[in-house]
Protein backbone atom coordinates (compact mmCIF):
# COMPACT_ATOMS: atom_id res chain seq x y z
CA MET A 1 38.49 -60.05 84.54
CA ALA A 2 36.01 -57.44 83.34
CA ALA A 3 36.57 -53.75 82.66
CA GLY A 4 34.13 -51.56 84.61
CA LEU A 5 32.81 -48.08 83.81
CA VAL A 6 30.02 -45.80 84.97
CA ILE A 7 28.21 -43.62 82.42
CA SER A 8 26.94 -40.44 84.07
CA ALA A 9 26.31 -36.75 83.43
CA PRO A 10 25.75 -33.42 85.19
CA ALA A 11 21.96 -33.78 84.78
CA SER A 12 19.15 -35.78 83.23
CA GLY A 13 18.37 -35.58 79.53
CA VAL A 14 21.87 -35.18 78.13
CA GLY A 15 22.24 -38.62 76.49
CA LYS A 16 23.39 -41.17 79.10
CA THR A 17 21.09 -43.91 77.88
CA THR A 18 21.89 -43.38 74.22
CA LEU A 19 25.64 -43.44 74.85
CA THR A 20 25.35 -46.52 77.08
CA LEU A 21 23.36 -48.41 74.45
CA ALA A 22 25.70 -47.31 71.66
CA LEU A 23 28.87 -48.30 73.50
CA ALA A 24 27.37 -51.63 74.53
CA ARG A 25 26.27 -52.51 71.00
CA ALA A 26 29.49 -51.22 69.38
CA TRP A 27 31.64 -53.36 71.69
CA ARG A 28 29.32 -56.32 71.24
CA ASN A 29 29.67 -55.92 67.47
CA ARG A 30 33.43 -56.22 68.00
CA GLY A 31 33.04 -59.55 69.76
CA LEU A 32 33.05 -58.41 73.40
CA ASN A 33 30.59 -59.60 76.03
CA VAL A 34 28.98 -56.54 77.62
CA GLN A 35 26.99 -56.48 80.86
CA CYS A 36 24.91 -53.42 81.77
CA PHE A 37 23.36 -52.25 85.03
CA LYS A 38 21.15 -49.31 85.94
CA SER A 39 22.09 -47.26 88.98
CA GLY A 40 18.95 -46.10 90.74
CA PRO A 41 15.28 -47.05 90.59
CA ASP A 42 14.50 -46.45 86.89
CA TYR A 43 12.71 -49.60 85.72
CA ILE A 44 12.59 -48.78 82.00
CA ASP A 45 16.27 -48.64 81.02
CA PRO A 46 17.24 -52.26 81.86
CA ALA A 47 15.08 -53.52 78.97
CA PHE A 48 16.99 -51.24 76.59
CA HIS A 49 20.27 -52.56 77.99
CA ALA A 50 19.14 -56.13 77.35
CA ALA A 51 18.20 -55.23 73.77
CA ALA A 52 21.68 -53.78 73.20
CA THR A 53 23.73 -56.54 74.84
CA GLY A 54 21.67 -59.72 74.72
CA ARG A 55 22.15 -60.04 78.50
CA ALA A 56 19.65 -59.23 81.23
CA SER A 57 20.30 -55.96 83.05
CA VAL A 58 19.21 -55.16 86.61
CA ASN A 59 18.97 -52.14 88.90
CA ILE A 60 21.53 -51.51 91.63
CA ASP A 61 20.49 -48.95 94.21
CA SER A 62 22.48 -47.61 97.14
CA TRP A 63 19.44 -46.20 98.95
CA ALA A 64 17.44 -49.43 98.93
CA MET A 65 20.16 -52.10 98.85
CA ASP A 66 23.11 -52.93 101.07
CA ARG A 67 26.58 -53.65 99.75
CA ALA A 68 26.08 -57.42 99.85
CA GLU A 69 22.95 -57.16 97.71
CA ILE A 70 24.69 -54.90 95.21
CA ALA A 71 27.71 -57.22 95.13
CA HIS A 72 25.41 -60.17 94.46
CA LEU A 73 23.70 -58.40 91.56
CA VAL A 74 26.85 -57.12 89.86
CA SER A 75 28.53 -60.53 90.15
CA ARG A 76 26.66 -61.49 86.97
CA GLY A 77 29.26 -59.38 85.16
CA ALA A 78 32.06 -61.73 86.18
CA ASN A 79 32.11 -63.46 82.79
CA ALA A 80 31.76 -60.25 80.77
CA ASP A 81 34.54 -58.33 79.04
CA VAL A 82 33.02 -54.91 79.75
CA VAL A 83 30.62 -53.87 82.51
CA LEU A 84 28.69 -50.59 82.18
CA ALA A 85 26.59 -49.00 84.90
CA GLU A 86 24.29 -46.29 83.57
CA GLY A 87 23.58 -43.58 86.11
CA SER A 88 20.39 -41.71 86.99
CA MET A 89 20.00 -37.93 86.94
CA GLY A 90 23.28 -36.13 87.68
CA LEU A 91 26.36 -37.88 89.03
CA PHE A 92 25.90 -36.76 92.65
CA ASP A 93 22.12 -36.46 92.70
CA GLY A 94 20.43 -38.49 95.41
CA VAL A 95 18.14 -37.92 98.36
CA ALA A 96 18.96 -35.80 101.39
CA ALA A 97 19.00 -38.63 103.93
CA ARG A 98 21.26 -41.65 103.58
CA GLY A 99 19.56 -44.99 102.98
CA VAL A 100 20.99 -48.50 103.36
CA SER A 101 24.38 -47.87 101.76
CA GLY A 102 24.07 -44.38 100.28
CA THR A 103 21.73 -41.70 99.01
CA GLY A 104 20.86 -43.38 95.71
CA ALA A 105 23.40 -41.27 93.81
CA THR A 106 25.33 -42.73 90.89
CA ALA A 107 28.51 -41.58 92.64
CA ASP A 108 27.81 -44.09 95.43
CA ILE A 109 27.99 -46.95 92.93
CA ALA A 110 31.11 -45.56 91.23
CA GLU A 111 32.94 -45.31 94.56
CA MET A 112 31.63 -48.61 95.92
CA LEU A 113 32.69 -50.60 92.85
CA GLY A 114 35.81 -48.58 92.02
CA TRP A 115 34.66 -47.91 88.47
CA PRO A 116 35.75 -44.66 86.81
CA VAL A 117 33.12 -42.33 85.37
CA VAL A 118 32.62 -41.32 81.75
CA LEU A 119 30.68 -38.06 81.76
CA VAL A 120 28.27 -37.15 78.98
CA ILE A 121 28.43 -33.38 78.64
CA ASP A 122 25.95 -31.37 76.55
CA PRO A 123 27.68 -28.02 75.91
CA SER A 124 24.66 -26.44 74.20
CA GLY A 125 24.59 -22.73 74.95
CA GLN A 126 28.09 -22.72 76.42
CA ALA A 127 31.71 -23.42 75.53
CA GLN A 128 34.54 -23.19 78.08
CA THR A 129 32.04 -23.33 80.93
CA ALA A 130 31.53 -27.01 80.08
CA ALA A 131 35.10 -27.62 81.25
CA ALA A 132 34.40 -25.84 84.54
CA ILE A 133 31.40 -28.10 85.11
CA ALA A 134 33.40 -31.23 84.31
CA ALA A 135 36.26 -30.12 86.57
CA GLY A 136 33.83 -29.43 89.39
CA LEU A 137 32.33 -32.89 89.08
CA ARG A 138 35.82 -34.43 88.99
CA ASP A 139 36.87 -32.71 92.21
CA TYR A 140 33.61 -32.78 94.17
CA ARG A 141 33.98 -36.08 95.99
CA ALA A 142 37.07 -38.06 96.90
CA GLY A 143 36.80 -41.67 95.85
CA VAL A 144 34.94 -40.93 92.62
CA ARG A 145 37.35 -40.99 89.67
CA LEU A 146 36.65 -39.28 86.35
CA ALA A 147 37.89 -41.16 83.28
CA GLY A 148 36.95 -38.47 80.76
CA VAL A 149 34.04 -37.00 78.85
CA VAL A 150 32.03 -37.50 75.70
CA LEU A 151 30.54 -34.31 74.30
CA ASN A 152 26.99 -34.57 72.99
CA ARG A 153 25.06 -32.28 70.63
CA VAL A 154 28.00 -30.04 69.69
CA ALA A 155 26.87 -27.27 67.37
CA SER A 156 29.85 -26.99 65.01
CA PRO A 157 33.57 -27.83 64.60
CA ARG A 158 34.42 -24.42 66.06
CA HIS A 159 32.20 -25.09 69.08
CA GLU A 160 33.82 -28.47 69.58
CA ASP A 161 37.31 -26.95 69.38
CA LEU A 162 36.53 -24.35 72.05
CA VAL A 163 35.20 -26.98 74.45
CA ARG A 164 38.00 -29.47 73.74
CA ARG A 165 40.71 -26.87 74.37
CA ALA A 166 39.17 -25.89 77.71
CA LEU A 167 38.84 -29.52 78.79
CA ASN A 168 42.41 -30.30 77.76
CA ASN A 169 43.62 -27.30 79.75
CA ALA A 170 41.77 -28.69 82.76
CA GLY A 171 43.48 -32.05 82.32
CA ILE A 172 40.28 -33.86 81.34
CA ALA A 173 40.34 -36.40 78.52
CA VAL A 174 37.83 -35.99 75.68
CA PHE A 175 36.90 -39.36 74.20
CA GLY A 176 34.81 -37.89 71.40
CA ALA A 177 32.23 -35.34 70.33
CA LEU A 178 28.81 -36.14 68.90
CA PRO A 179 27.05 -33.72 66.55
CA ARG A 180 23.27 -33.50 66.76
CA HIS A 181 21.70 -36.60 65.20
CA ALA A 182 17.91 -36.85 65.36
CA GLU A 183 17.87 -40.42 64.04
CA ILE A 184 19.10 -41.80 67.38
CA SER A 185 16.69 -39.89 69.61
CA LEU A 186 14.71 -42.24 71.86
CA PRO A 187 10.96 -41.46 72.08
CA LYS A 188 9.58 -40.40 75.47
CA ARG A 189 6.30 -40.20 77.39
CA HIS A 190 5.30 -38.94 80.83
CA LEU A 191 7.16 -41.59 82.89
CA GLY A 192 10.32 -41.49 80.76
CA LEU A 193 11.33 -43.38 77.64
CA VAL A 194 8.77 -45.35 75.66
CA GLN A 195 9.49 -48.93 76.70
CA ALA A 196 11.86 -51.02 74.62
CA GLU A 197 9.30 -53.76 74.00
CA GLU A 198 6.93 -51.20 72.47
CA GLN A 199 9.46 -50.09 69.85
CA VAL A 200 9.58 -52.48 66.92
CA GLU A 201 12.56 -50.63 65.46
CA ILE A 202 14.62 -50.61 68.66
CA GLY A 203 17.31 -52.91 67.21
CA LYS A 204 17.83 -50.66 64.20
CA LEU A 205 17.91 -47.56 66.39
CA ILE A 206 20.60 -49.07 68.64
CA ASP A 207 22.59 -50.20 65.61
CA GLU A 208 22.50 -46.66 64.20
CA ALA A 209 23.52 -45.22 67.57
CA ALA A 210 26.45 -47.67 67.73
CA ARG A 211 27.56 -46.78 64.21
CA PHE A 212 27.32 -43.06 64.94
CA VAL A 213 29.19 -43.26 68.25
CA ALA A 214 31.91 -45.53 66.80
CA GLU A 215 32.46 -42.87 64.12
CA HIS A 216 32.86 -40.02 66.61
CA VAL A 217 34.18 -41.62 69.83
CA ASP A 218 37.51 -43.35 70.45
CA LEU A 219 36.16 -46.69 71.68
CA GLU A 220 39.62 -48.05 72.44
CA ALA A 221 40.47 -45.05 74.59
CA VAL A 222 37.24 -45.44 76.55
CA LEU A 223 37.97 -49.12 77.09
CA ARG A 224 41.54 -48.39 78.25
CA ALA A 225 40.14 -45.96 80.83
CA ALA A 226 37.97 -48.65 82.41
CA ALA A 227 39.00 -50.25 85.69
CA SER A 228 39.94 -53.91 85.84
CA TRP A 229 37.37 -55.48 88.08
CA SER A 230 36.60 -58.81 89.68
CA PRO A 231 33.34 -59.18 91.61
CA GLN A 232 33.44 -59.35 95.35
CA SER A 233 31.64 -62.10 97.18
CA GLY A 234 27.91 -61.60 97.35
CA GLU A 235 26.84 -64.88 98.88
CA ASN A 236 24.02 -63.40 100.92
CA GLY A 237 22.11 -62.54 97.76
CA LEU A 238 18.97 -60.49 97.87
CA ASN A 239 16.79 -60.22 100.93
CA VAL A 240 13.61 -60.97 98.99
CA THR A 241 10.72 -63.24 99.92
CA PRO A 242 8.52 -64.40 97.01
CA PRO A 243 4.82 -63.63 97.45
CA GLY A 244 3.91 -67.26 96.85
CA GLN A 245 5.06 -70.60 95.45
CA ARG A 246 3.20 -70.20 92.16
CA ILE A 247 2.71 -66.59 91.05
CA ALA A 248 0.29 -65.43 88.35
CA LEU A 249 1.97 -62.29 86.98
CA ALA A 250 0.13 -59.79 84.77
CA ARG A 251 2.44 -58.97 81.89
CA ASP A 252 1.69 -56.83 78.82
CA ALA A 253 1.91 -53.20 77.67
CA ALA A 254 -0.29 -52.05 80.57
CA PHE A 255 1.51 -54.12 83.24
CA SER A 256 5.24 -54.00 82.58
CA PHE A 257 6.98 -52.14 85.39
CA VAL A 258 8.57 -54.87 87.47
CA TYR A 259 12.19 -54.90 88.58
CA PRO A 260 14.09 -57.73 86.87
CA HIS A 261 16.02 -58.52 90.04
CA MET A 262 12.76 -59.16 91.88
CA LEU A 263 11.61 -61.78 89.39
CA GLU A 264 15.05 -63.41 89.47
CA ALA A 265 14.99 -63.48 93.27
CA TRP A 266 11.53 -65.05 93.32
CA ARG A 267 12.66 -67.78 90.95
CA ALA A 268 15.90 -68.29 92.88
CA ALA A 269 13.80 -68.88 96.01
CA GLY A 270 11.92 -71.64 94.20
CA ALA A 271 8.81 -69.76 93.05
CA GLU A 272 7.19 -70.46 89.69
CA ILE A 273 5.87 -67.56 87.61
CA SER A 274 3.10 -67.84 85.03
CA THR A 275 2.22 -64.74 83.03
CA PHE A 276 -1.12 -63.61 81.67
CA SER A 277 -2.29 -60.58 79.69
CA PRO A 278 -5.22 -58.51 80.96
CA LEU A 279 -5.21 -56.61 77.66
CA ALA A 280 -5.80 -59.91 75.89
CA ASP A 281 -8.69 -60.47 78.33
CA GLU A 282 -6.90 -63.33 80.08
CA ALA A 283 -7.61 -64.32 83.68
CA PRO A 284 -4.88 -65.30 86.17
CA ASP A 285 -3.83 -68.94 86.21
CA ALA A 286 -6.34 -70.79 88.37
CA SER A 287 -3.58 -73.06 89.70
CA ALA A 288 -1.57 -70.14 91.11
CA ASP A 289 -1.61 -69.34 94.82
CA VAL A 290 -1.07 -65.58 94.43
CA CYS A 291 -1.71 -62.98 91.71
CA TRP A 292 0.58 -59.97 91.22
CA LEU A 293 -0.32 -56.94 89.10
CA PRO A 294 2.78 -54.80 88.49
CA GLY A 295 2.81 -51.18 87.45
CA GLY A 296 2.80 -49.88 83.91
CA TYR A 297 0.52 -47.68 81.85
CA PRO A 298 -3.06 -48.70 82.68
CA GLU A 299 -4.14 -45.11 82.03
CA LEU A 300 -3.26 -45.55 78.34
CA HIS A 301 -5.33 -48.74 78.15
CA ALA A 302 -8.10 -48.02 80.65
CA GLY A 303 -10.93 -48.50 78.17
CA LYS A 304 -9.62 -51.87 77.08
CA ILE A 305 -9.09 -53.00 80.68
CA ALA A 306 -12.64 -51.92 81.55
CA ALA A 307 -13.96 -53.96 78.60
CA SER A 308 -11.95 -57.08 79.52
CA ALA A 309 -14.73 -58.91 81.35
CA ARG A 310 -12.97 -62.29 81.47
CA PHE A 311 -9.93 -60.68 83.13
CA ARG A 312 -11.92 -58.72 85.70
CA ASP A 313 -14.30 -61.57 86.52
CA GLY A 314 -11.42 -64.05 86.76
CA LEU A 315 -9.50 -61.70 89.05
CA ARG A 316 -12.52 -61.34 91.35
CA VAL A 317 -13.00 -65.10 91.53
CA PHE A 318 -9.28 -65.56 92.25
CA ALA A 319 -9.40 -62.99 95.08
CA GLU A 320 -12.21 -64.85 96.83
CA THR A 321 -9.75 -67.52 98.02
CA ARG A 322 -6.22 -66.27 97.30
CA PRO A 323 -4.24 -63.02 97.68
CA VAL A 324 -3.99 -60.46 94.90
CA HIS A 325 -1.49 -57.59 95.07
CA GLY A 326 -1.06 -54.55 92.84
CA GLU A 327 1.84 -52.11 92.55
CA CYS A 328 1.17 -48.56 91.34
CA GLY A 329 -0.70 -49.07 88.05
CA GLY A 330 -1.69 -52.53 89.22
CA TYR A 331 -2.99 -51.00 92.44
CA MET A 332 -5.09 -48.55 90.42
CA VAL A 333 -6.59 -51.40 88.40
CA LEU A 334 -7.59 -53.17 91.63
CA GLY A 335 -9.61 -50.07 92.55
CA ILE A 336 -13.16 -49.16 91.59
CA ALA A 337 -12.38 -46.68 88.82
CA LEU A 338 -9.65 -44.86 86.91
CA THR A 339 -10.25 -41.54 85.12
CA ASP A 340 -7.96 -41.06 82.13
CA ALA A 341 -6.26 -37.87 80.94
CA ASP A 342 -9.31 -36.98 78.81
CA GLY A 343 -11.57 -37.09 81.85
CA VAL A 344 -13.27 -40.37 80.96
CA ARG A 345 -14.03 -42.56 83.98
CA HIS A 346 -13.42 -46.30 83.49
CA GLU A 347 -14.61 -49.07 85.79
CA MET A 348 -11.78 -51.20 87.18
CA ALA A 349 -11.76 -54.51 89.11
CA GLY A 350 -13.38 -53.15 92.27
CA LEU A 351 -11.43 -55.33 94.69
CA LEU A 352 -10.38 -52.17 96.53
CA GLY A 353 -12.13 -48.85 97.03
CA LEU A 354 -9.29 -46.85 95.49
CA GLU A 355 -10.27 -44.35 92.81
CA THR A 356 -7.64 -42.43 90.85
CA SER A 357 -7.59 -39.79 88.14
CA PHE A 358 -5.15 -38.59 85.51
CA ALA A 359 -7.41 -35.70 84.47
CA LYS A 360 -5.48 -33.41 86.81
CA ARG A 361 -1.97 -34.76 86.76
CA ARG A 362 0.23 -34.48 89.83
CA MET A 363 3.67 -36.06 89.96
CA HIS A 364 4.47 -38.40 92.84
CA LEU A 365 8.16 -39.29 92.81
CA GLY A 366 10.64 -40.63 95.30
CA TYR A 367 11.95 -43.43 97.47
CA ARG A 368 9.56 -44.99 99.97
CA LEU A 369 10.11 -46.89 103.23
CA ALA A 370 6.99 -48.73 104.32
CA GLU A 371 6.27 -50.52 107.60
CA LEU A 372 3.37 -52.90 107.06
CA ALA A 373 0.34 -52.38 109.28
CA ALA A 374 -1.38 -55.34 107.62
CA PRO A 375 0.06 -58.38 105.84
CA MET A 376 0.61 -58.53 102.09
CA PRO A 377 1.76 -61.48 99.96
CA GLY A 378 5.17 -62.62 101.19
CA HIS A 379 5.34 -60.17 104.11
CA GLN A 380 3.87 -60.01 107.58
CA VAL A 381 2.82 -57.11 109.78
CA GLY A 382 5.86 -55.05 110.81
CA ALA A 383 7.94 -55.88 107.74
CA ARG A 384 9.94 -52.91 106.46
CA LEU A 385 9.97 -52.59 102.67
CA ARG A 386 11.99 -50.24 100.51
CA GLY A 387 10.65 -49.10 97.17
CA HIS A 388 10.15 -46.26 94.74
CA GLU A 389 7.04 -44.36 93.68
CA PHE A 390 6.63 -42.59 90.31
CA HIS A 391 3.25 -41.75 88.83
CA TYR A 392 1.06 -38.82 87.83
CA SER A 393 -2.31 -39.93 89.19
CA THR A 394 -4.39 -38.13 91.81
CA ILE A 395 -6.14 -40.05 94.57
CA ILE A 396 -9.90 -39.41 94.52
CA ALA A 397 -10.65 -41.97 97.22
CA GLN A 398 -8.57 -44.42 99.26
CA PRO A 399 -11.15 -45.68 101.83
CA ASP A 400 -9.87 -49.13 102.74
CA THR A 401 -7.69 -50.22 105.65
CA PRO A 402 -4.23 -48.66 105.21
CA LEU A 403 -1.67 -51.29 104.29
CA ALA A 404 1.35 -49.50 105.73
CA VAL A 405 2.81 -46.44 107.33
CA VAL A 406 4.83 -45.03 104.44
CA HIS A 407 7.68 -42.53 104.72
CA ASP A 408 9.55 -40.67 102.02
CA ALA A 409 13.36 -40.54 102.00
CA THR A 410 13.39 -37.70 104.54
CA GLY A 411 11.30 -39.70 107.02
CA THR A 412 8.12 -37.71 106.41
CA VAL A 413 4.89 -39.73 106.55
CA ILE A 414 3.01 -39.57 103.24
CA ALA A 415 -0.64 -40.11 102.32
CA GLU A 416 -0.06 -42.93 99.81
CA THR A 417 -0.43 -45.68 102.42
CA GLY A 418 -1.60 -48.45 100.15
CA SER A 419 -4.74 -50.45 100.96
CA ARG A 420 -6.05 -53.80 102.09
CA ARG A 421 -9.53 -55.28 101.72
CA GLY A 422 -10.07 -59.00 102.11
CA GLN A 423 -7.49 -60.85 100.01
CA ALA A 424 -6.57 -57.74 97.96
CA THR A 425 -3.67 -55.42 98.74
CA GLY A 426 -1.94 -52.64 96.85
CA THR A 427 0.79 -50.02 97.08
CA PHE A 428 1.77 -47.00 95.05
CA PHE A 429 5.45 -47.89 95.42
CA HIS A 430 7.34 -50.57 93.50
CA LEU A 431 9.14 -52.94 95.85
CA ILE A 432 12.95 -52.93 95.48
CA ALA A 433 14.22 -54.70 98.61
CA GLU A 434 13.39 -55.66 102.18
CA ASP A 435 15.23 -54.26 105.15
CA ARG A 436 17.47 -56.97 106.60
């Protein structure tokens, strides 16, 4: 039987990921099997979790997934000693309108699974007020249980004492307090953390974080506060249809944003996946029956993609007879051109008429519900797909047949409809799940 915990906070940027990685590695170093999950649609953190634990991590999302799908995904923690779900944003932050089983808030997962919450509190610029915030989060929603807090970035022993006393007076356990420590700061870029696979020193960084947290946090007390947990039945699995029997998947530093649970579901349904690297000027496998370009950072590699003639020519030949689909960054690469942040225009594959620019950045962020107006690999007209969009590109042109009617989480129709031309399709959102 595993011990389950949720790591959350009042807001983003206070150290949830660092604490999750440090706890996972510290317990692993003590001989425990640790399984991590990511609550919400963030597709970067699961790779960090895997680096810390040696076990694949997946996203669980109450807006896009039903309870059976979430139960199926978390059942992989059945043979672990400790199960950690890292939250997104603040504990109760989600969208205004309820999705499949919740609003996407971390609190939904905590209540659904019965796992108590460890709050990461950054008391910078305050003292006793930190206790008021923690107490408010503890009492805000019945069914969500607070285990205690870990203080992060405390300024001094006196500062720590003031905050600890206030928390103790509020009846809230303090598991530890972390002074500022620049050596365990994770590098960031415009879509969040720099990806784990891009950081050659990630193992050393996680080891240092584990050492630092073990020195300042009572690991045994945190473990005692966890809930004993046995997975519920999730026989129905994920409602995911693979886009083909043999899938050529672009995979490198420019094409890396793909949800791990999607790839697992494709394989579980019998699909075979072969990877290729556009940055290495590789073409998709000629024996595949579908090509899939996931999102990533094509804007950081646009010049190299434009110069990869074998990749672009091979993709065009592939699309003459078989479907090609792109998500977000992959969609942009299927277009005619991409202008980078410096204003340089780069020719892309030209399978679609889409043209995008990062010269004038505009954030597009949020859940998406799409009803297909045209077929795409694995899905027919009328299929309802749930996903998430997060990018900073501006649409210069999107002239092709709209792929879908796309709504945001409030039900408002948005302009990012995706496109279809011939065998090529693309969306700005990353697919998470299908509506049952």
